Amino acid sequence: MYNIAVRMVFYPQDAEQVTQEVFVKAVTRLSTFQGNSQFRTWHYRTAANHVLNMKRRGGEIRPQTFSSYAAATSQ
């Protein structure tokens, strides 16, 4: 989940926070998993939706630049 988060938010510190939030969300909403797909697929989709919703709400404050993206992906 961390690797997915860092690719979506570009900052390791933000990715750590997102990863924690996604795992808490997965545990609290485990009853909504219906088994129509693999658990990993469901959990990945939960993470992606969480980040997308966070971005829509303005949870990502720092502006993105090519250099910040390159620095985040080279780690």
PDB file of N, CA and C in Angstrom:
ATOM      1  N   MET A   1       0.819  -1.186   0.000  1.00  0.00           N
ATOM      2  CA  MET A   1       0.000   0.000   0.000  1.00  0.00           C
ATOM      3  C   MET A   1       0.867   1.256   0.000  1.00  0.00           C
ATOM      4  N   TYR A   2       1.985   1.201   0.697  1.00  0.00           N
ATOM      5  CA  TYR A   2       2.862   2.377   0.732  1.00  0.00           C
ATOM      6  C   TYR A   2       3.349   2.728  -0.676  1.00  0.00           C
ATOM      7  N   ASN A   3       3.743   1.741  -1.460  1.00  0.00           N
ATOM      8  CA  ASN A   3       4.237   2.007  -2.812  1.00  0.00           C
ATOM      9  C   ASN A   3       3.165   2.646  -3.685  1.00  0.00           C
ATOM     10  N   ILE A   4       1.948   2.201  -3.536  1.00  0.00           N
ATOM     11  CA  ILE A   4       0.842   2.803  -4.281  1.00  0.00           C
ATOM     12  C   ILE A   4       0.645   4.247  -3.836  1.00  0.00           C
ATOM     13  N   ALA A   5       0.662   4.453  -2.523  1.00  0.00           N
ATOM     14  CA  ALA A   5       0.441   5.795  -1.985  1.00  0.00           C
ATOM     15  C   ALA A   5       1.535   6.765  -2.418  1.00  0.00           C
ATOM     16  N   VAL A   6       2.788   6.336  -2.374  1.00  0.00           N
ATOM     17  CA  VAL A   6       3.870   7.252  -2.736  1.00  0.00           C
ATOM     18  C   VAL A   6       3.818   7.603  -4.218  1.00  0.00           C
ATOM     19  N   ARG A   7       3.357   6.694  -5.052  1.00  0.00           N
ATOM     20  CA  ARG A   7       3.198   7.008  -6.469  1.00  0.00           C
ATOM     21  C   ARG A   7       2.063   7.995  -6.714  1.00  0.00           C
ATOM     22  N   MET A   8       1.104   8.014  -5.820  1.00  0.00           N
ATOM     23  CA  MET A   8      -0.047   8.887  -6.027  1.00  0.00           C
ATOM     24  C   MET A   8       0.104  10.253  -5.353  1.00  0.00           C
ATOM     25  N   VAL A   9       0.823  10.316  -4.223  1.00  0.00           N
ATOM     26  CA  VAL A   9       0.943  11.593  -3.513  1.00  0.00           C
ATOM     27  C   VAL A   9       2.326  12.210  -3.628  1.00  0.00           C
ATOM     28  N   PHE A  10       3.324  11.447  -4.073  1.00  0.00           N
ATOM     29  CA  PHE A  10       4.677  11.922  -4.396  1.00  0.00           C
ATOM     30  C   PHE A  10       5.570  12.253  -3.206  1.00  0.00           C
ATOM     31  N   TYR A  11       5.073  12.270  -1.996  1.00  0.00           N
ATOM     32  CA  TYR A  11       5.879  12.598  -0.828  1.00  0.00           C
ATOM     33  C   TYR A  11       5.860  11.430   0.155  1.00  0.00           C
ATOM     34  N   PRO A  12       7.027  10.961   0.568  1.00  0.00           N
ATOM     35  CA  PRO A  12       7.077   9.813   1.479  1.00  0.00           C
ATOM     36  C   PRO A  12       6.319  10.038   2.789  1.00  0.00           C
ATOM     37  N   GLN A  13       6.407  11.240   3.348  1.00  0.00           N
ATOM     38  CA  GLN A  13       5.705  11.506   4.612  1.00  0.00           C
ATOM     39  C   GLN A  13       4.191  11.427   4.419  1.00  0.00           C
ATOM     40  N   ASP A  14       3.701  11.996   3.324  1.00  0.00           N
ATOM     41  CA  ASP A  14       2.272  11.931   3.039  1.00  0.00           C
ATOM     42  C   ASP A  14       1.847  10.496   2.743  1.00  0.00           C
ATOM     43  N   ALA A  15       2.707   9.764   2.049  1.00  0.00           N
ATOM     44  CA  ALA A  15       2.400   8.372   1.715  1.00  0.00           C
ATOM     45  C   ALA A  15       2.302   7.520   2.976  1.00  0.00           C
ATOM     46  N   GLU A  16       3.152   7.792   3.970  1.00  0.00           N
ATOM     47  CA  GLU A  16       3.069   7.055   5.235  1.00  0.00           C
ATOM     48  C   GLU A  16       1.733   7.303   5.912  1.00  0.00           C
ATOM     49  N   GLN A  17       1.311   8.553   5.918  1.00  0.00           N
ATOM     50  CA  GLN A  17       0.028   8.900   6.537  1.00  0.00           C
ATOM     51  C   GLN A  17      -1.134   8.259   5.778  1.00  0.00           C
ATOM     52  N   VAL A  18      -1.083   8.325   4.472  1.00  0.00           N
ATOM     53  CA  VAL A  18      -2.137   7.727   3.649  1.00  0.00           C
ATOM     54  C   VAL A  18      -2.196   6.221   3.875  1.00  0.00           C
ATOM     55  N   THR A  19      -1.030   5.583   3.954  1.00  0.00           N
ATOM     56  CA  THR A  19      -0.984   4.139   4.187  1.00  0.00           C
ATOM     57  C   THR A  19      -1.665   3.773   5.497  1.00  0.00           C
ATOM     58  N   GLN A  20      -1.380   4.537   6.547  1.00  0.00           N
ATOM     59  CA  GLN A  20      -2.029   4.276   7.833  1.00  0.00           C
ATOM     60  C   GLN A  20      -3.532   4.466   7.736  1.00  0.00           C
ATOM     61  N   GLU A  21      -3.950   5.539   7.087  1.00  0.00           N
ATOM     62  CA  GLU A  21      -5.380   5.803   6.952  1.00  0.00           C
ATOM     63  C   GLU A  21      -6.078   4.698   6.164  1.00  0.00           C
ATOM     64  N   VAL A  22      -5.425   4.215   5.119  1.00  0.00           N
ATOM     65  CA  VAL A  22      -6.021   3.164   4.285  1.00  0.00           C
ATOM     66  C   VAL A  22      -6.139   1.861   5.067  1.00  0.00           C
ATOM     67  N   PHE A  23      -5.131   1.516   5.854  1.00  0.00           N
ATOM     68  CA  PHE A  23      -5.219   0.291   6.644  1.00  0.00           C
ATOM     69  C   PHE A  23      -6.309   0.391   7.712  1.00  0.00           C
ATOM     70  N   VAL A  24      -6.444   1.553   8.325  1.00  0.00           N
ATOM     71  CA  VAL A  24      -7.528   1.735   9.297  1.00  0.00           C
ATOM     72  C   VAL A  24      -8.872   1.617   8.602  1.00  0.00           C
ATOM     73  N   LYS A  25      -8.984   2.234   7.433  1.00  0.00           N
ATOM     74  CA  LYS A  25     -10.233   2.165   6.668  1.00  0.00           C
ATOM     75  C   LYS A  25     -10.542   0.721   6.280  1.00  0.00           C
ATOM     76  N   ALA A  26      -9.518  -0.035   5.870  1.00  0.00           N
ATOM     77  CA  ALA A  26      -9.734  -1.428   5.471  1.00  0.00           C
ATOM     78  C   ALA A  26     -10.225  -2.264   6.653  1.00  0.00           C
ATOM     79  N   VAL A  27      -9.644  -2.046   7.812  1.00  0.00           N
ATOM     80  CA  VAL A  27     -10.044  -2.818   8.997  1.00  0.00           C
ATOM     81  C   VAL A  27     -11.466  -2.459   9.417  1.00  0.00           C
ATOM     82  N   THR A  28     -11.789  -1.170   9.396  1.00  0.00           N
ATOM     83  CA  THR A  28     -13.121  -0.759   9.844  1.00  0.00           C
ATOM     84  C   THR A  28     -14.211  -1.092   8.831  1.00  0.00           C
ATOM     85  N   ARG A  29     -13.847  -1.260   7.560  1.00  0.00           N
ATOM     86  CA  ARG A  29     -14.843  -1.555   6.525  1.00  0.00           C
ATOM     87  C   ARG A  29     -14.679  -2.954   5.944  1.00  0.00           C
ATOM     88  N   LEU A  30     -14.044  -3.816   6.689  1.00  0.00           N
ATOM     89  CA  LEU A  30     -13.817  -5.177   6.215  1.00  0.00           C
ATOM     90  C   LEU A  30     -15.129  -5.898   5.927  1.00  0.00           C
ATOM     91  N   SER A  31     -16.178  -5.534   6.632  1.00  0.00           N
ATOM     92  CA  SER A  31     -17.468  -6.190   6.417  1.00  0.00           C
ATOM     93  C   SER A  31     -18.059  -5.877   5.039  1.00  0.00           C
ATOM     94  N   THR A  32     -17.565  -4.829   4.370  1.00  0.00           N
ATOM     95  CA  THR A  32     -18.089  -4.496   3.046  1.00  0.00           C
ATOM     96  C   THR A  32     -17.425  -5.316   1.945  1.00  0.00           C
ATOM     97  N   PHE A  33     -16.368  -6.047   2.278  1.00  0.00           N
ATOM     98  CA  PHE A  33     -15.707  -6.898   1.287  1.00  0.00           C
ATOM     99  C   PHE A  33     -16.606  -8.088   1.005  1.00  0.00           C
ATOM    100  N   GLN A  34     -17.053  -8.207  -0.258  1.00  0.00           N
ATOM    101  CA  GLN A  34     -18.031  -9.227  -0.615  1.00  0.00           C
ATOM    102  C   GLN A  34     -17.414 -10.489  -1.194  1.00  0.00           C
ATOM    103  N   GLY A  35     -16.134 -10.461  -1.497  1.00  0.00           N
ATOM    104  CA  GLY A  35     -15.484 -11.637  -2.031  1.00  0.00           C
ATOM    105  C   GLY A  35     -15.656 -11.819  -3.531  1.00  0.00           C
ATOM    106  N   ASN A  36     -16.173 -10.803  -4.215  1.00  0.00           N
ATOM    107  CA  ASN A  36     -16.325 -10.883  -5.669  1.00  0.00           C
ATOM    108  C   ASN A  36     -14.991 -10.750  -6.388  1.00  0.00           C
ATOM    109  N   SER A  37     -14.010 -10.250  -5.690  1.00  0.00           N
ATOM    110  CA  SER A  37     -12.665 -10.097  -6.239  1.00  0.00           C
ATOM    111  C   SER A  37     -11.672 -10.553  -5.173  1.00  0.00           C
ATOM    112  N   GLN A  38     -10.389 -10.531  -5.524  1.00  0.00           N
ATOM    113  CA  GLN A  38      -9.392 -10.865  -4.521  1.00  0.00           C
ATOM    114  C   GLN A  38      -9.326  -9.743  -3.501  1.00  0.00           C
ATOM    115  N   PHE A  39      -8.952 -10.093  -2.280  1.00  0.00           N
ATOM    116  CA  PHE A  39      -8.839  -9.089  -1.231  1.00  0.00           C
ATOM    117  C   PHE A  39      -7.836  -8.007  -1.624  1.00  0.00           C
ATOM    118  N   ARG A  40      -6.755  -8.412  -2.245  1.00  0.00           N
ATOM    119  CA  ARG A  40      -5.728  -7.454  -2.654  1.00  0.00           C
ATOM    120  C   ARG A  40      -6.296  -6.415  -3.619  1.00  0.00           C
ATOM    121  N   THR A  41      -7.119  -6.835  -4.547  1.00  0.00           N
ATOM    122  CA  THR A  41      -7.739  -5.915  -5.497  1.00  0.00           C
ATOM    123  C   THR A  41      -8.654  -4.939  -4.776  1.00  0.00           C
ATOM    124  N   TRP A  42      -9.442  -5.438  -3.863  1.00  0.00           N
ATOM    125  CA  TRP A  42     -10.350  -4.592  -3.082  1.00  0.00           C
ATOM    126  C   TRP A  42      -9.568  -3.573  -2.270  1.00  0.00           C
ATOM    127  N   HIS A  43      -8.490  -4.029  -1.641  1.00  0.00           N
ATOM    128  CA  HIS A  43      -7.678  -3.144  -0.799  1.00  0.00           C
ATOM    129  C   HIS A  43      -6.973  -2.086  -1.654  1.00  0.00           C
ATOM    130  N   TYR A  44      -6.468  -2.465  -2.817  1.00  0.00           N
ATOM    131  CA  TYR A  44      -5.849  -1.515  -3.736  1.00  0.00           C
ATOM    132  C   TYR A  44      -6.853  -0.445  -4.143  1.00  0.00           C
ATOM    133  N   ARG A  45      -8.065  -0.870  -4.479  1.00  0.00           N
ATOM    134  CA  ARG A  45      -9.099   0.080  -4.896  1.00  0.00           C
ATOM    135  C   ARG A  45      -9.456   1.013  -3.745  1.00  0.00           C
ATOM    136  N   THR A  46      -9.497   0.503  -2.523  1.00  0.00           N
ATOM    137  CA  THR A  46      -9.749   1.331  -1.349  1.00  0.00           C
ATOM    138  C   THR A  46      -8.682   2.409  -1.222  1.00  0.00           C
ATOM    139  N   ALA A  47      -7.422   2.021  -1.416  1.00  0.00           N
ATOM    140  CA  ALA A  47      -6.312   2.978  -1.326  1.00  0.00           C
ATOM    141  C   ALA A  47      -6.407   4.036  -2.417  1.00  0.00           C
ATOM    142  N   ALA A  48      -6.634   3.609  -3.633  1.00  0.00           N
ATOM    143  CA  ALA A  48      -6.715   4.552  -4.749  1.00  0.00           C
ATOM    144  C   ALA A  48      -7.877   5.524  -4.554  1.00  0.00           C
ATOM    145  N   ASN A  49      -9.020   5.018  -4.157  1.00  0.00           N
ATOM    146  CA  ASN A  49     -10.175   5.889  -3.919  1.00  0.00           C
ATOM    147  C   ASN A  49      -9.912   6.867  -2.780  1.00  0.00           C
ATOM    148  N   HIS A  50      -9.249   6.409  -1.735  1.00  0.00           N
ATOM    149  CA  HIS A  50      -8.938   7.278  -0.602  1.00  0.00           C
ATOM    150  C   HIS A  50      -8.069   8.450  -1.053  1.00  0.00           C
ATOM    151  N   VAL A  51      -7.021   8.158  -1.830  1.00  0.00           N
ATOM    152  CA  VAL A  51      -6.126   9.220  -2.302  1.00  0.00           C
ATOM    153  C   VAL A  51      -6.862  10.165  -3.244  1.00  0.00           C
ATOM    154  N   LEU A  52      -7.654   9.627  -4.149  1.00  0.00           N
ATOM    155  CA  LEU A  52      -8.396  10.480  -5.069  1.00  0.00           C
ATOM    156  C   LEU A  52      -9.375  11.388  -4.328  1.00  0.00           C
ATOM    157  N   ASN A  53     -10.063  10.845  -3.338  1.00  0.00           N
ATOM    158  CA  ASN A  53     -10.982  11.662  -2.536  1.00  0.00           C
ATOM    159  C   ASN A  53     -10.216  12.712  -1.738  1.00  0.00           C
ATOM    160  N   MET A  54      -9.055  12.348  -1.218  1.00  0.00           N
ATOM    161  CA  MET A  54      -8.237  13.282  -0.463  1.00  0.00           C
ATOM    162  C   MET A  54      -7.820  14.450  -1.366  1.00  0.00           C
ATOM    163  N   LYS A  55      -7.432  14.150  -2.591  1.00  0.00           N
ATOM    164  CA  LYS A  55      -7.028  15.200  -3.524  1.00  0.00           C
ATOM    165  C   LYS A  55      -8.208  16.095  -3.889  1.00  0.00           C
ATOM    166  N   ARG A  56      -9.372  15.504  -4.066  1.00  0.00           N
ATOM    167  CA  ARG A  56     -10.565  16.301  -4.387  1.00  0.00           C
ATOM    168  C   ARG A  56     -10.919  17.254  -3.254  1.00  0.00           C
ATOM    169  N   ARG A  57     -10.719  16.799  -2.025  1.00  0.00           N
ATOM    170  CA  ARG A  57     -11.043  17.629  -0.860  1.00  0.00           C
ATOM    171  C   ARG A  57      -9.947  18.639  -0.551  1.00  0.00           C
ATOM    172  N   GLY A  58      -8.839  18.588  -1.278  1.00  0.00           N
ATOM    173  CA  GLY A  58      -7.765  19.533  -1.017  1.00  0.00           C
ATOM    174  C   GLY A  58      -6.813  19.063   0.061  1.00  0.00           C
ATOM    175  N   GLY A  59      -6.756  17.780   0.307  1.00  0.00           N
ATOM    176  CA  GLY A  59      -5.873  17.246   1.335  1.00  0.00           C
ATOM    177  C   GLY A  59      -4.412  17.327   0.966  1.00  0.00           C
ATOM    178  N   GLU A  60      -4.134  17.529  -0.299  1.00  0.00           N
ATOM    179  CA  GLU A  60      -2.758  17.642  -0.755  1.00  0.00           C
ATOM    180  C   GLU A  60      -2.474  19.127  -0.965  1.00  0.00           C
ATOM    181  N   ILE A  61      -1.700  19.708  -0.083  1.00  0.00           N
ATOM    182  CA  ILE A  61      -1.502  21.153  -0.070  1.00  0.00           C
ATOM    183  C   ILE A  61      -0.325  21.586  -0.945  1.00  0.00           C
ATOM    184  N   ARG A  62       0.749  20.825  -0.920  1.00  0.00           N
ATOM    185  CA  ARG A  62       1.957  21.217  -1.646  1.00  0.00           C
ATOM    186  C   ARG A  62       1.754  21.110  -3.153  1.00  0.00           C
ATOM    187  N   PRO A  63       2.215  22.110  -3.901  1.00  0.00           N
ATOM    188  CA  PRO A  63       2.119  22.008  -5.365  1.00  0.00           C
ATOM    189  C   PRO A  63       3.108  20.974  -5.897  1.00  0.00           C
ATOM    190  N   GLN A  64       2.743  20.301  -6.960  1.00  0.00           N
ATOM    191  CA  GLN A  64       3.598  19.277  -7.548  1.00  0.00           C
ATOM    192  C   GLN A  64       4.450  19.890  -8.652  1.00  0.00           C
ATOM    193  N   THR A  65       5.723  19.547  -8.660  1.00  0.00           N
ATOM    194  CA  THR A  65       6.627  19.962  -9.715  1.00  0.00           C
ATOM    195  C   THR A  65       7.319  18.718 -10.252  1.00  0.00           C
ATOM    196  N   PHE A  66       7.941  18.835 -11.402  1.00  0.00           N
ATOM    197  CA  PHE A  66       8.652  17.697 -11.968  1.00  0.00           C
ATOM    198  C   PHE A  66       9.811  17.275 -11.066  1.00  0.00           C
ATOM    199  N   SER A  67      10.500  18.239 -10.471  1.00  0.00           N
ATOM    200  CA  SER A  67      11.630  17.897  -9.608  1.00  0.00           C
ATOM    201  C   SER A  67      11.171  17.193  -8.333  1.00  0.00           C
ATOM    202  N   SER A  68      10.054  17.596  -7.768  1.00  0.00           N
ATOM    203  CA  SER A  68       9.554  16.918  -6.563  1.00  0.00           C
ATOM    204  C   SER A  68       9.076  15.515  -6.900  1.00  0.00           C
ATOM    205  N   TYR A  69       8.492  15.339  -8.067  1.00  0.00           N
ATOM    206  CA  TYR A  69       8.074  14.019  -8.496  1.00  0.00           C
ATOM    207  C   TYR A  69       9.285  13.114  -8.709  1.00  0.00           C
ATOM    208  N   ALA A  70      10.311  13.639  -9.357  1.00  0.00           N
ATOM    209  CA  ALA A  70      11.529  12.862  -9.592  1.00  0.00           C
ATOM    210  C   ALA A  70      12.201  12.478  -8.280  1.00  0.00           C
ATOM    211  N   ALA A  71      12.229  13.386  -7.321  1.00  0.00           N
ATOM    212  CA  ALA A  71      12.846  13.098  -6.027  1.00  0.00           C
ATOM    213  C   ALA A  71      12.069  12.014  -5.283  1.00  0.00           C
ATOM    214  N   ALA A  72      10.754  12.052  -5.370  1.00  0.00           N
ATOM    215  CA  ALA A  72       9.930  11.080  -4.665  1.00  0.00           C
ATOM    216  C   ALA A  72      10.037   9.686  -5.289  1.00  0.00           C
ATOM    217  N   THR A  73      10.175   9.619  -6.596  1.00  0.00           N
ATOM    218  CA  THR A  73      10.218   8.325  -7.251  1.00  0.00           C
ATOM    219  C   THR A  73      11.607   7.706  -7.260  1.00  0.00           C
ATOM    220  N   SER A  74      12.626   8.504  -6.993  1.00  0.00           N
ATOM    221  CA  SER A  74      13.990   7.957  -7.021  1.00  0.00           C
ATOM    222  C   SER A  74      14.394   7.333  -5.700  1.00  0.00           C
ATOM    223  N   GLN A  75      13.565   7.410  -4.684  1.00  0.00           N
ATOM    224  CA  GLN A  75      13.906   6.868  -3.371  1.00  0.00           C
ATOM    225  C   GLN A  75      13.692   5.404  -3.297  1.00  0.00           C
TER     226      GLN A  75
END
